[in-house]
Amino acid sequence: MLRKIFLVSRNLLLIASSVPATMYGQASNQQQLQQQLLQLQMRSAGSPMGSAQGGPGNTMRSGAVVAPEDVSKLKLAPGSMIEVHVFEEPDLDGTYRLDTTGQVKLPLAGDVLVKEMTLREAEVAIRTRLVSEEILKDPHVVVNVAEYSTQNIVVLGEVGAPGRYPVIGSRTLLDVLAMAGGQTAMAGNEILVHRDGTPADKIEKIHFSRRNDDPTALASTINPGDTLVIRKAGIVYVLGSVNRPGGYVMQEAGDLTVNQAIALALGTAPGADTGKVRVVRKNADGSMSEIRAQYDEANKGQVFPFELQPEDVVYVPANWLKTTFLNTRQFMGQVASATIYAVQ
């Protein structure tokens, strides 16, 4: 009797133990797969930068790399290393480095182009290749970053610290200027940008003001490999009978009139002959032209103020001086020795 009860109990245990494997095995495996996918995607969202150290906003040029705030938007570049997990075929799991063409070589699947793709886009590309090559019917692929490849943004010209800045993603124009120490007082309102991979003679011009909320500066994107040249602002010179003779930077829009230039020079000095204000402009052949500025008429609203160009010289004579200019050597000597003022 006891032996019979033992055999019945043993059979029931065997049946009970086989139920999950037969009836619930598929659902259990599916839940486990979803959990593993979720864990790997969470790892991917916070994956390390490999050799790219230094967080957002790091302005050091030596060894530190500036990373964008949203890592999920980073795009893979040649030299990057990725971890690939294929749940249905563990033999495909591994760490792969992008070659110079931006491809990774997977077992059985061959070369897969993932250059300029985000992690999610790379997952789709690898999954598509596995299906098209009839390796797997419905693979679940997760891609993580083992190491990002960095590229430099080169910043030259009128910035506090020109040089090469390693980054692993696109940055706004304001970010790049901040990394380079900001603009100098002599910086103009025009930046030349050469985009990576474009012909050397294809130069993009960006015009912006010094305001931190300037829409152009906020909307302009600088990519790894790009080169920026912050141009020097134009300078006009105000000489003669003014309270602060010197050179003045044409900032912001780059527009400056004779009346504004004299105002920057703190106005005319006592005894100035304001009716005989002249503008001296250098011609393309090197000669000098003298132009009457109509300073008094513009102050009275009778004419529009005279628009200046970079390197123009505004000369305000005194009443007791002749209206003719000094000789060219003396005049250019005054220009060369003039103090330059950048009005903030």
C-alpha atoms as a PDB file:
ATOM      1  CA  MET A   1       0.000   0.000   0.000  1.00  0.00           C
ATOM      2  CA  LEU A   2       2.784   2.428   0.966  1.00  0.00           C
ATOM      3  CA  ARG A   3       4.673   1.533  -2.189  1.00  0.00           C
ATOM      4  CA  LYS A   4       1.609   2.320  -4.326  1.00  0.00           C
ATOM      5  CA  ILE A   5       1.098   5.673  -2.628  1.00  0.00           C
ATOM      6  CA  PHE A   6       4.786   6.478  -3.176  1.00  0.00           C
ATOM      7  CA  LEU A   7       4.569   5.654  -6.892  1.00  0.00           C
ATOM      8  CA  VAL A   8       1.418   7.781  -7.356  1.00  0.00           C
ATOM      9  CA  SER A   9       3.002  10.746  -5.573  1.00  0.00           C
ATOM     10  CA  ARG A  10       6.138  10.412  -7.646  1.00  0.00           C
ATOM     11  CA  ASN A  11       4.132  10.431 -10.890  1.00  0.00           C
ATOM     12  CA  LEU A  12       2.226  13.544  -9.795  1.00  0.00           C
ATOM     13  CA  LEU A  13       5.485  15.340  -9.060  1.00  0.00           C
ATOM     14  CA  LEU A  14       6.828  14.423 -12.475  1.00  0.00           C
ATOM     15  CA  ILE A  15       3.685  15.739 -14.169  1.00  0.00           C
ATOM     16  CA  ALA A  16       3.723  18.960 -12.149  1.00  0.00           C
ATOM     17  CA  SER A  17       7.356  19.591 -12.931  1.00  0.00           C
ATOM     18  CA  SER A  18       6.747  19.163 -16.661  1.00  0.00           C
ATOM     19  CA  VAL A  19       3.840  21.678 -16.856  1.00  0.00           C
ATOM     20  CA  PRO A  20       5.928  24.917 -16.899  1.00  0.00           C
ATOM     21  CA  ALA A  21       8.222  23.508 -19.551  1.00  0.00           C
ATOM     22  CA  THR A  22       5.351  22.583 -21.840  1.00  0.00           C
ATOM     23  CA  MET A  23       2.511  25.004 -21.137  1.00  0.00           C
ATOM     24  CA  TYR A  24       4.295  28.065 -19.784  1.00  0.00           C
ATOM     25  CA  GLY A  25       7.777  27.735 -21.229  1.00  0.00           C
ATOM     26  CA  GLN A  26       7.158  30.075 -24.167  1.00  0.00           C
ATOM     27  CA  ALA A  27       5.566  32.824 -22.029  1.00  0.00           C
ATOM     28  CA  SER A  28       8.306  32.514 -19.430  1.00  0.00           C
ATOM     29  CA  ASN A  29      11.043  32.781 -22.076  1.00  0.00           C
ATOM     30  CA  GLN A  30       9.321  35.803 -23.620  1.00  0.00           C
ATOM     31  CA  GLN A  31       9.200  37.596 -20.245  1.00  0.00           C
ATOM     32  CA  GLN A  32      12.831  36.793 -19.596  1.00  0.00           C
ATOM     33  CA  LEU A  33      13.783  38.110 -23.046  1.00  0.00           C
ATOM     34  CA  GLN A  34      11.895  41.361 -22.479  1.00  0.00           C
ATOM     35  CA  GLN A  35      13.589  41.845 -19.116  1.00  0.00           C
ATOM     36  CA  GLN A  36      17.024  41.281 -20.626  1.00  0.00           C
ATOM     37  CA  LEU A  37      16.287  43.685 -23.477  1.00  0.00           C
ATOM     38  CA  LEU A  38      15.150  46.332 -20.992  1.00  0.00           C
ATOM     39  CA  GLN A  39      18.280  45.890 -18.880  1.00  0.00           C
ATOM     40  CA  LEU A  40      20.588  46.186 -21.873  1.00  0.00           C
ATOM     41  CA  GLN A  41      18.781  49.252 -23.214  1.00  0.00           C
ATOM     42  CA  MET A  42      19.083  50.887 -19.796  1.00  0.00           C
ATOM     43  CA  ARG A  43      22.806  50.116 -19.873  1.00  0.00           C
ATOM     44  CA  SER A  44      22.995  51.596 -23.353  1.00  0.00           C
ATOM     45  CA  ALA A  45      21.355  54.858 -22.248  1.00  0.00           C
ATOM     46  CA  GLY A  46      24.009  55.309 -19.592  1.00  0.00           C
ATOM     47  CA  SER A  47      26.887  53.586 -21.321  1.00  0.00           C
ATOM     48  CA  PRO A  48      30.427  54.801 -20.639  1.00  0.00           C
ATOM     49  CA  MET A  49      32.379  56.842 -23.107  1.00  0.00           C
ATOM     50  CA  GLY A  50      35.308  54.444 -23.113  1.00  0.00           C
ATOM     51  CA  SER A  51      38.377  56.619 -23.563  1.00  0.00           C
ATOM     52  CA  ALA A  52      36.182  59.729 -23.763  1.00  0.00           C
ATOM     53  CA  GLN A  53      36.348  61.125 -20.282  1.00  0.00           C
ATOM     54  CA  GLY A  54      35.076  64.394 -18.943  1.00  0.00           C
ATOM     55  CA  GLY A  55      31.450  65.403 -18.731  1.00  0.00           C
ATOM     56  CA  PRO A  56      29.375  68.006 -20.515  1.00  0.00           C
ATOM     57  CA  GLY A  57      30.811  71.469 -20.388  1.00  0.00           C
ATOM     58  CA  ASN A  58      34.394  70.343 -19.763  1.00  0.00           C
ATOM     59  CA  THR A  59      36.577  72.968 -21.450  1.00  0.00           C
ATOM     60  CA  MET A  60      39.953  71.275 -21.065  1.00  0.00           C
ATOM     61  CA  ARG A  61      41.736  70.528 -24.310  1.00  0.00           C
ATOM     62  CA  SER A  62      44.246  67.983 -23.018  1.00  0.00           C
ATOM     63  CA  GLY A  63      42.703  64.522 -22.693  1.00  0.00           C
ATOM     64  CA  ALA A  64      39.187  65.684 -21.847  1.00  0.00           C
ATOM     65  CA  VAL A  65      36.343  65.144 -24.262  1.00  0.00           C
ATOM     66  CA  VAL A  66      33.120  67.116 -24.352  1.00  0.00           C
ATOM     67  CA  ALA A  67      30.033  64.910 -24.610  1.00  0.00           C
ATOM     68  CA  PRO A  68      26.518  66.105 -25.455  1.00  0.00           C
ATOM     69  CA  GLU A  69      23.814  65.925 -22.836  1.00  0.00           C
ATOM     70  CA  ASP A  70      21.744  63.293 -24.686  1.00  0.00           C
ATOM     71  CA  VAL A  71      23.963  60.277 -25.326  1.00  0.00           C
ATOM     72  CA  SER A  72      21.184  58.514 -27.253  1.00  0.00           C
ATOM     73  CA  LYS A  73      21.618  61.046 -30.061  1.00  0.00           C
ATOM     74  CA  LEU A  74      25.317  60.342 -30.527  1.00  0.00           C
ATOM     75  CA  LYS A  75      26.240  58.893 -33.888  1.00  0.00           C
ATOM     76  CA  LEU A  76      28.799  56.194 -34.467  1.00  0.00           C
ATOM     77  CA  ALA A  77      31.991  57.103 -36.290  1.00  0.00           C
ATOM     78  CA  PRO A  78      34.902  55.080 -37.691  1.00  0.00           C
ATOM     79  CA  GLY A  79      37.033  53.856 -34.808  1.00  0.00           C
ATOM     80  CA  SER A  80      34.142  53.486 -32.369  1.00  0.00           C
ATOM     81  CA  MET A  81      33.709  50.125 -30.641  1.00  0.00           C
ATOM     82  CA  ILE A  82      30.279  48.581 -30.067  1.00  0.00           C
ATOM     83  CA  GLU A  83      28.923  45.585 -28.174  1.00  0.00           C
ATOM     84  CA  VAL A  84      26.331  43.541 -30.085  1.00  0.00           C
ATOM     85  CA  HIS A  85      23.921  41.163 -28.347  1.00  0.00           C
ATOM     86  CA  VAL A  86      21.690  38.856 -30.406  1.00  0.00           C
ATOM     87  CA  PHE A  87      19.489  36.841 -28.045  1.00  0.00           C
ATOM     88  CA  GLU A  88      18.479  34.136 -30.476  1.00  0.00           C
ATOM     89  CA  GLU A  89      22.078  33.416 -31.525  1.00  0.00           C
ATOM     90  CA  PRO A  90      24.711  33.994 -28.786  1.00  0.00           C
ATOM     91  CA  ASP A  91      27.478  33.118 -31.252  1.00  0.00           C
ATOM     92  CA  LEU A  92      26.879  36.522 -32.843  1.00  0.00           C
ATOM     93  CA  ASP A  93      27.466  38.343 -29.549  1.00  0.00           C
ATOM     94  CA  GLY A  94      30.710  40.236 -29.409  1.00  0.00           C
ATOM     95  CA  THR A  95      32.592  43.519 -29.462  1.00  0.00           C
ATOM     96  CA  TYR A  96      33.229  45.041 -32.851  1.00  0.00           C
ATOM     97  CA  ARG A  97      35.162  48.116 -33.978  1.00  0.00           C
ATOM     98  CA  LEU A  98      34.004  50.249 -36.903  1.00  0.00           C
ATOM     99  CA  ASP A  99      36.553  50.248 -39.720  1.00  0.00           C
ATOM    100  CA  THR A 100      37.595  53.314 -41.697  1.00  0.00           C
ATOM    101  CA  THR A 101      34.459  53.037 -43.847  1.00  0.00           C
ATOM    102  CA  GLY A 102      32.156  52.848 -40.821  1.00  0.00           C
ATOM    103  CA  GLN A 103      31.329  49.131 -41.142  1.00  0.00           C
ATOM    104  CA  VAL A 104      31.450  46.265 -38.646  1.00  0.00           C
ATOM    105  CA  LYS A 105      32.142  42.681 -39.693  1.00  0.00           C
ATOM    106  CA  LEU A 106      29.688  40.232 -38.078  1.00  0.00           C
ATOM    107  CA  PRO A 107      30.018  36.451 -38.231  1.00  0.00           C
ATOM    108  CA  LEU A 108      27.821  34.978 -40.975  1.00  0.00           C
ATOM    109  CA  ALA A 109      26.198  38.363 -41.710  1.00  0.00           C
ATOM    110  CA  GLY A 110      29.347  40.021 -43.098  1.00  0.00           C
ATOM    111  CA  ASP A 111      29.910  43.791 -43.254  1.00  0.00           C
ATOM    112  CA  VAL A 112      27.164  46.034 -41.895  1.00  0.00           C
ATOM    113  CA  LEU A 113      27.348  49.815 -42.392  1.00  0.00           C
ATOM    114  CA  VAL A 114      26.554  51.658 -39.127  1.00  0.00           C
ATOM    115  CA  LYS A 115      28.471  54.905 -39.708  1.00  0.00           C
ATOM    116  CA  GLU A 116      26.555  58.074 -38.719  1.00  0.00           C
ATOM    117  CA  MET A 117      23.881  55.951 -36.991  1.00  0.00           C
ATOM    118  CA  THR A 118      22.575  56.173 -33.445  1.00  0.00           C
ATOM    119  CA  LEU A 119      22.578  53.029 -31.309  1.00  0.00           C
ATOM    120  CA  ARG A 120      18.922  52.355 -32.068  1.00  0.00           C
ATOM    121  CA  GLU A 121      19.506  52.822 -35.813  1.00  0.00           C
ATOM    122  CA  ALA A 122      22.489  50.452 -35.636  1.00  0.00           C
ATOM    123  CA  GLU A 123      20.262  47.827 -33.996  1.00  0.00           C
ATOM    124  CA  VAL A 124      17.787  48.102 -36.852  1.00  0.00           C
ATOM    125  CA  ALA A 125      20.577  47.847 -39.467  1.00  0.00           C
ATOM    126  CA  ILE A 126      22.031  44.695 -37.899  1.00  0.00           C
ATOM    127  CA  ARG A 127      18.595  43.124 -37.445  1.00  0.00           C
ATOM    128  CA  THR A 128      17.732  43.853 -41.083  1.00  0.00           C
ATOM    129  CA  ARG A 129      20.953  42.217 -42.259  1.00  0.00           C
ATOM    130  CA  LEU A 130      20.332  39.076 -40.175  1.00  0.00           C
ATOM    131  CA  VAL A 131      16.846  38.755 -41.648  1.00  0.00           C
ATOM    132  CA  SER A 132      17.873  39.513 -45.250  1.00  0.00           C
ATOM    133  CA  GLU A 133      20.661  36.931 -45.080  1.00  0.00           C
ATOM    134  CA  GLU A 134      18.129  34.407 -43.699  1.00  0.00           C
ATOM    135  CA  ILE A 135      20.229  33.821 -40.611  1.00  0.00           C
ATOM    136  CA  LEU A 136      17.383  34.542 -38.177  1.00  0.00           C
ATOM    137  CA  LYS A 137      13.696  35.189 -38.749  1.00  0.00           C
ATOM    138  CA  ASP A 138      12.943  37.620 -35.938  1.00  0.00           C
ATOM    139  CA  PRO A 139      16.151  38.519 -34.096  1.00  0.00           C
ATOM    140  CA  HIS A 140      16.253  40.746 -31.026  1.00  0.00           C
ATOM    141  CA  VAL A 141      19.358  42.933 -31.220  1.00  0.00           C
ATOM    142  CA  VAL A 142      20.769  45.334 -28.639  1.00  0.00           C
ATOM    143  CA  VAL A 143      23.803  47.537 -29.351  1.00  0.00           C
ATOM    144  CA  ASN A 144      25.840  49.219 -26.620  1.00  0.00           C
ATOM    145  CA  VAL A 145      28.878  51.458 -26.849  1.00  0.00           C
ATOM    146  CA  ALA A 146      32.197  50.154 -25.579  1.00  0.00           C
ATOM    147  CA  GLU A 147      34.200  53.125 -26.827  1.00  0.00           C
ATOM    148  CA  TYR A 148      33.358  56.223 -28.840  1.00  0.00           C
ATOM    149  CA  SER A 149      35.742  57.574 -31.443  1.00  0.00           C
ATOM    150  CA  THR A 150      36.475  61.253 -30.908  1.00  0.00           C
ATOM    151  CA  GLN A 151      37.090  63.955 -33.481  1.00  0.00           C
ATOM    152  CA  ASN A 152      38.302  67.505 -33.101  1.00  0.00           C
ATOM    153  CA  ILE A 153      36.577  70.799 -33.644  1.00  0.00           C
ATOM    154  CA  VAL A 154      39.206  73.375 -34.602  1.00  0.00           C
ATOM    155  CA  VAL A 155      38.581  76.930 -33.386  1.00  0.00           C
ATOM    156  CA  LEU A 156      40.815  79.719 -34.699  1.00  0.00           C
ATOM    157  CA  GLY A 157      40.816  83.493 -34.781  1.00  0.00           C
ATOM    158  CA  GLU A 158      39.438  85.906 -32.207  1.00  0.00           C
ATOM    159  CA  VAL A 159      38.774  83.582 -29.250  1.00  0.00           C
ATOM    160  CA  GLY A 160      40.380  83.353 -25.847  1.00  0.00           C
ATOM    161  CA  ALA A 161      41.988  79.929 -26.385  1.00  0.00           C
ATOM    162  CA  PRO A 162      42.220  78.868 -30.035  1.00  0.00           C
ATOM    163  CA  GLY A 163      43.034  75.223 -30.652  1.00  0.00           C
ATOM    164  CA  ARG A 164      41.652  71.720 -31.216  1.00  0.00           C
ATOM    165  CA  TYR A 165      38.799  70.514 -28.996  1.00  0.00           C
ATOM    166  CA  PRO A 166      37.915  66.798 -28.975  1.00  0.00           C
ATOM    167  CA  VAL A 167      34.189  66.063 -28.980  1.00  0.00           C
ATOM    168  CA  ILE A 168      32.060  62.968 -29.527  1.00  0.00           C
ATOM    169  CA  GLY A 169      28.963  64.675 -30.882  1.00  0.00           C
ATOM    170  CA  SER A 170      27.565  67.846 -32.385  1.00  0.00           C
ATOM    171  CA  ARG A 171      27.585  71.051 -30.336  1.00  0.00           C
ATOM    172  CA  THR A 172      25.858  74.408 -30.678  1.00  0.00           C
ATOM    173  CA  LEU A 173      27.896  77.393 -31.794  1.00  0.00           C
ATOM    174  CA  LEU A 174      27.621  78.939 -28.325  1.00  0.00           C
ATOM    175  CA  ASP A 175      28.984  75.755 -26.738  1.00  0.00           C
ATOM    176  CA  VAL A 176      31.999  75.751 -29.044  1.00  0.00           C
ATOM    177  CA  LEU A 177      32.747  79.430 -28.394  1.00  0.00           C
ATOM    178  CA  ALA A 178      32.514  78.781 -24.648  1.00  0.00           C
ATOM    179  CA  MET A 179      34.934  75.840 -24.928  1.00  0.00           C
ATOM    180  CA  ALA A 180      37.411  78.133 -26.703  1.00  0.00           C
ATOM    181  CA  GLY A 181      37.288  80.752 -23.963  1.00  0.00           C
ATOM    182  CA  GLY A 182      34.756  83.052 -25.600  1.00  0.00           C
ATOM    183  CA  GLN A 183      35.288  85.812 -28.123  1.00  0.00           C
ATOM    184  CA  THR A 184      37.897  88.494 -27.699  1.00  0.00           C
ATOM    185  CA  ALA A 185      37.038  92.182 -27.670  1.00  0.00           C
ATOM    186  CA  MET A 186      38.279  92.368 -31.260  1.00  0.00           C
ATOM    187  CA  ALA A 187      35.945  89.630 -32.559  1.00  0.00           C
ATOM    188  CA  GLY A 188      33.559  90.585 -35.311  1.00  0.00           C
ATOM    189  CA  ASN A 189      30.080  89.322 -36.055  1.00  0.00           C
ATOM    190  CA  GLU A 190      31.082  86.873 -38.769  1.00  0.00           C
ATOM    191  CA  ILE A 191      32.340  83.291 -38.362  1.00  0.00           C
ATOM    192  CA  LEU A 192      33.685  81.177 -41.194  1.00  0.00           C
ATOM    193  CA  VAL A 193      32.912  77.444 -40.988  1.00  0.00           C
ATOM    194  CA  HIS A 194      34.459  74.698 -43.068  1.00  0.00           C
ATOM    195  CA  ARG A 195      32.407  71.516 -42.731  1.00  0.00           C
ATOM    196  CA  ASP A 196      34.207  68.205 -42.473  1.00  0.00           C
ATOM    197  CA  GLY A 197      34.181  66.288 -45.737  1.00  0.00           C
ATOM    198  CA  THR A 198      33.402  69.297 -47.945  1.00  0.00           C
ATOM    199  CA  PRO A 199      35.745  70.870 -50.535  1.00  0.00           C
ATOM    200  CA  ALA A 200      38.345  73.255 -49.096  1.00  0.00           C
ATOM    201  CA  ASP A 201      36.897  76.221 -50.974  1.00  0.00           C
ATOM    202  CA  LYS A 202      33.359  75.679 -49.665  1.00  0.00           C
ATOM    203  CA  ILE A 203      33.074  78.030 -46.693  1.00  0.00           C
ATOM    204  CA  GLU A 204      29.906  78.711 -44.727  1.00  0.00           C
ATOM    205  CA  LYS A 205      29.427  82.168 -43.190  1.00  0.00           C
ATOM    206  CA  ILE A 206      27.514  82.601 -39.942  1.00  0.00           C
ATOM    207  CA  HIS A 207      26.450  86.096 -38.870  1.00  0.00           C
ATOM    208  CA  PHE A 208      25.444  86.625 -35.262  1.00  0.00           C
ATOM    209  CA  SER A 209      25.524  89.147 -32.438  1.00  0.00           C
ATOM    210  CA  ARG A 210      27.233  88.848 -29.054  1.00  0.00           C
ATOM    211  CA  ARG A 211      23.954  88.227 -27.230  1.00  0.00           C
ATOM    212  CA  ASN A 212      23.722  84.846 -25.489  1.00  0.00           C
ATOM    213  CA  ASP A 213      20.147  84.478 -26.739  1.00  0.00           C
ATOM    214  CA  ASP A 214      21.008  85.186 -30.366  1.00  0.00           C
ATOM    215  CA  PRO A 215      18.846  82.760 -32.403  1.00  0.00           C
ATOM    216  CA  THR A 216      21.547  82.232 -35.026  1.00  0.00           C
ATOM    217  CA  ALA A 217      24.127  81.194 -32.429  1.00  0.00           C
ATOM    218  CA  LEU A 218      21.623  78.905 -30.711  1.00  0.00           C
ATOM    219  CA  ALA A 219      20.448  77.254 -33.930  1.00  0.00           C
ATOM    220  CA  SER A 220      23.855  76.809 -35.588  1.00  0.00           C
ATOM    221  CA  THR A 221      25.290  73.312 -35.104  1.00  0.00           C
ATOM    222  CA  ILE A 222      28.999  72.544 -35.228  1.00  0.00           C
ATOM    223  CA  ASN A 223      29.911  68.933 -35.965  1.00  0.00           C
ATOM    224  CA  PRO A 224      33.039  66.918 -35.150  1.00  0.00           C
ATOM    225  CA  GLY A 225      35.699  67.604 -37.773  1.00  0.00           C
ATOM    226  CA  ASP A 226      34.487  71.143 -38.520  1.00  0.00           C
ATOM    227  CA  THR A 227      36.830  74.150 -38.491  1.00  0.00           C
ATOM    228  CA  LEU A 228      35.770  77.599 -37.271  1.00  0.00           C
ATOM    229  CA  VAL A 229      37.512  80.915 -37.857  1.00  0.00           C
ATOM    230  CA  ILE A 230      36.188  83.828 -35.805  1.00  0.00           C
ATOM    231  CA  ARG A 231      37.009  86.871 -37.879  1.00  0.00           C
ATOM    232  CA  LYS A 232      38.367  90.108 -36.527  1.00  0.00           C
ATOM    233  CA  ALA A 233      35.969  93.014 -36.499  1.00  0.00           C
ATOM    234  CA  GLY A 234      36.505  95.947 -38.810  1.00  0.00           C
ATOM    235  CA  ILE A 235      38.123  99.031 -37.317  1.00  0.00           C
ATOM    236  CA  VAL A 236      37.533 102.695 -38.118  1.00  0.00           C
ATOM    237  CA  TYR A 237      39.800 105.492 -36.936  1.00  0.00           C
ATOM    238  CA  VAL A 238      38.693 108.841 -35.564  1.00  0.00           C
ATOM    239  CA  LEU A 239      41.488 111.410 -35.527  1.00  0.00           C
ATOM    240  CA  GLY A 240      41.898 115.128 -35.207  1.00  0.00           C
ATOM    241  CA  SER A 241      39.947 117.429 -32.934  1.00  0.00           C
ATOM    242  CA  VAL A 242      38.015 114.863 -30.866  1.00  0.00           C
ATOM    243  CA  ASN A 243      38.175 114.111 -27.142  1.00  0.00           C
ATOM    244  CA  ARG A 244      39.476 110.524 -27.511  1.00  0.00           C
ATOM    245  CA  PRO A 245      41.161 109.919 -30.857  1.00  0.00           C
ATOM    246  CA  GLY A 246      41.818 106.299 -31.719  1.00  0.00           C
ATOM    247  CA  GLY A 247      40.560 103.204 -33.512  1.00  0.00           C
ATOM    248  CA  TYR A 248      37.079 101.796 -32.807  1.00  0.00           C
ATOM    249  CA  VAL A 249      35.866  98.255 -33.397  1.00  0.00           C
ATOM    250  CA  MET A 250      32.803  97.868 -35.611  1.00  0.00           C
ATOM    251  CA  GLN A 251      30.947  95.356 -33.451  1.00  0.00           C
ATOM    252  CA  GLU A 252      27.471  93.770 -33.550  1.00  0.00           C
ATOM    253  CA  ALA A 253      26.010  94.310 -37.034  1.00  0.00           C
ATOM    254  CA  GLY A 254      29.269  95.827 -38.282  1.00  0.00           C
ATOM    255  CA  ASP A 255      27.536  99.083 -39.249  1.00  0.00           C
ATOM    256  CA  LEU A 256      28.922 102.403 -38.108  1.00  0.00           C
ATOM    257  CA  THR A 257      28.261 105.948 -39.270  1.00  0.00           C
ATOM    258  CA  VAL A 258      30.483 109.012 -39.027  1.00  0.00           C
ATOM    259  CA  ASN A 259      28.240 110.488 -36.325  1.00  0.00           C
ATOM    260  CA  GLN A 260      28.376 107.269 -34.284  1.00  0.00           C
ATOM    261  CA  ALA A 261      32.154 107.043 -34.656  1.00  0.00           C
ATOM    262  CA  ILE A 262      32.632 110.603 -33.394  1.00  0.00           C
ATOM    263  CA  ALA A 263      30.299 109.802 -30.489  1.00  0.00           C
ATOM    264  CA  LEU A 264      32.492 106.797 -29.607  1.00  0.00           C
ATOM    265  CA  ALA A 265      35.439 109.214 -29.605  1.00  0.00           C
ATOM    266  CA  LEU A 266      33.548 111.171 -26.880  1.00  0.00           C
ATOM    267  CA  GLY A 267      32.512 113.914 -29.264  1.00  0.00           C
ATOM    268  CA  THR A 268      34.335 116.784 -30.888  1.00  0.00           C
ATOM    269  CA  ALA A 269      36.799 118.869 -28.923  1.00  0.00           C
ATOM    270  CA  PRO A 270      36.389 122.618 -28.393  1.00  0.00           C
ATOM    271  CA  GLY A 271      37.453 124.483 -31.491  1.00  0.00           C
ATOM    272  CA  ALA A 272      36.640 121.626 -33.890  1.00  0.00           C
ATOM    273  CA  ASP A 273      35.470 122.633 -37.341  1.00  0.00           C
ATOM    274  CA  THR A 274      32.500 120.227 -37.594  1.00  0.00           C
ATOM    275  CA  GLY A 275      31.515 121.575 -40.990  1.00  0.00           C
ATOM    276  CA  LYS A 276      34.701 120.212 -42.550  1.00  0.00           C
ATOM    277  CA  VAL A 277      34.717 116.616 -41.219  1.00  0.00           C
ATOM    278  CA  ARG A 278      36.273 114.310 -43.787  1.00  0.00           C
ATOM    279  CA  VAL A 279      36.468 110.550 -44.342  1.00  0.00           C
ATOM    280  CA  VAL A 280      39.665 109.155 -45.806  1.00  0.00           C
ATOM    281  CA  ARG A 281      39.187 105.845 -47.589  1.00  0.00           C
ATOM    282  CA  LYS A 282      41.860 103.594 -49.019  1.00  0.00           C
ATOM    283  CA  ASN A 283      41.241 102.528 -52.601  1.00  0.00           C
ATOM    284  CA  ALA A 284      41.969  99.132 -54.111  1.00  0.00           C
ATOM    285  CA  ASP A 285      45.085 100.505 -55.851  1.00  0.00           C
ATOM    286  CA  GLY A 286      46.471 101.822 -52.552  1.00  0.00           C
ATOM    287  CA  SER A 287      45.634 105.462 -53.172  1.00  0.00           C
ATOM    288  CA  MET A 288      43.624 107.571 -50.690  1.00  0.00           C
ATOM    289  CA  SER A 289      40.295 109.288 -51.334  1.00  0.00           C
ATOM    290  CA  GLU A 290      38.923 112.175 -49.299  1.00  0.00           C
ATOM    291  CA  ILE A 291      35.127 112.331 -48.855  1.00  0.00           C
ATOM    292  CA  ARG A 292      33.131 115.109 -47.174  1.00  0.00           C
ATOM    293  CA  ALA A 293      31.087 113.497 -44.376  1.00  0.00           C
ATOM    294  CA  GLN A 294      28.252 116.097 -43.975  1.00  0.00           C
ATOM    295  CA  TYR A 295      28.482 115.687 -40.214  1.00  0.00           C
ATOM    296  CA  ASP A 296      26.503 118.857 -39.317  1.00  0.00           C
ATOM    297  CA  GLU A 297      23.771 118.115 -41.864  1.00  0.00           C
ATOM    298  CA  ALA A 298      23.304 114.588 -40.474  1.00  0.00           C
ATOM    299  CA  ASN A 299      23.036 115.954 -36.915  1.00  0.00           C
ATOM    300  CA  LYS A 300      20.258 118.257 -38.102  1.00  0.00           C
ATOM    301  CA  GLY A 301      18.434 115.407 -39.827  1.00  0.00           C
ATOM    302  CA  GLN A 302      18.883 116.907 -43.272  1.00  0.00           C
ATOM    303  CA  VAL A 303      20.772 113.895 -44.683  1.00  0.00           C
ATOM    304  CA  PHE A 304      21.391 110.316 -43.681  1.00  0.00           C
ATOM    305  CA  PRO A 305      24.597 109.788 -41.692  1.00  0.00           C
ATOM    306  CA  PHE A 306      27.576 108.720 -43.770  1.00  0.00           C
ATOM    307  CA  GLU A 307      28.172 104.934 -43.596  1.00  0.00           C
ATOM    308  CA  LEU A 308      31.720 103.904 -42.811  1.00  0.00           C
ATOM    309  CA  GLN A 309      33.680 100.901 -44.051  1.00  0.00           C
ATOM    310  CA  PRO A 310      36.418  98.986 -42.237  1.00  0.00           C
ATOM    311  CA  GLU A 311      39.734 100.889 -42.186  1.00  0.00           C
ATOM    312  CA  ASP A 312      38.060 104.251 -42.909  1.00  0.00           C
ATOM    313  CA  VAL A 313      39.549 107.259 -41.149  1.00  0.00           C
ATOM    314  CA  VAL A 314      37.315 110.053 -39.852  1.00  0.00           C
ATOM    315  CA  TYR A 315      39.249 113.306 -39.544  1.00  0.00           C
ATOM    316  CA  VAL A 316      37.900 116.303 -37.618  1.00  0.00           C
ATOM    317  CA  PRO A 317      39.975 119.431 -38.269  1.00  0.00           C
ATOM    318  CA  ALA A 318      40.314 122.373 -35.893  1.00  0.00           C
ATOM    319  CA  ASN A 319      39.121 125.816 -36.891  1.00  0.00           C
ATOM    320  CA  TRP A 320      42.607 127.173 -37.193  1.00  0.00           C
ATOM    321  CA  LEU A 321      43.891 124.322 -39.395  1.00  0.00           C
ATOM    322  CA  LYS A 322      43.717 124.254 -43.120  1.00  0.00           C
ATOM    323  CA  THR A 323      41.136 121.841 -44.494  1.00  0.00           C
ATOM    324  CA  THR A 324      43.774 120.076 -46.527  1.00  0.00           C
ATOM    325  CA  PHE A 325      45.222 116.970 -44.970  1.00  0.00           C
ATOM    326  CA  LEU A 326      48.668 116.335 -43.670  1.00  0.00           C
ATOM    327  CA  ASN A 327      50.903 114.542 -46.099  1.00  0.00           C
ATOM    328  CA  THR A 328      50.297 110.827 -46.485  1.00  0.00           C
ATOM    329  CA  ARG A 329      53.293 109.738 -44.378  1.00  0.00           C
ATOM    330  CA  GLN A 330      52.258 111.888 -41.408  1.00  0.00           C
ATOM    331  CA  PHE A 331      48.646 110.859 -41.734  1.00  0.00           C
ATOM    332  CA  MET A 332      49.357 107.111 -41.874  1.00  0.00           C
ATOM    333  CA  GLY A 333      51.711 107.522 -38.923  1.00  0.00           C
ATOM    334  CA  GLN A 334      48.816 108.802 -36.821  1.00  0.00           C
ATOM    335  CA  VAL A 335      46.682 105.837 -37.880  1.00  0.00           C
ATOM    336  CA  ALA A 336      49.406 103.317 -37.054  1.00  0.00           C
ATOM    337  CA  SER A 337      49.954 104.744 -33.569  1.00  0.00           C
ATOM    338  CA  ALA A 338      46.250 105.107 -32.718  1.00  0.00           C
ATOM    339  CA  THR A 339      44.920 103.328 -29.637  1.00  0.00           C
ATOM    340  CA  ILE A 340      42.258 100.724 -30.420  1.00  0.00           C
ATOM    341  CA  TYR A 341      39.046 100.802 -28.350  1.00  0.00           C
ATOM    342  CA  ALA A 342      36.493  98.006 -28.180  1.00  0.00           C
ATOM    343  CA  VAL A 343      33.260  99.375 -26.755  1.00  0.00           C
ATOM    344  CA  GLN A 344      31.376  96.636 -24.848  1.00  0.00           C
END
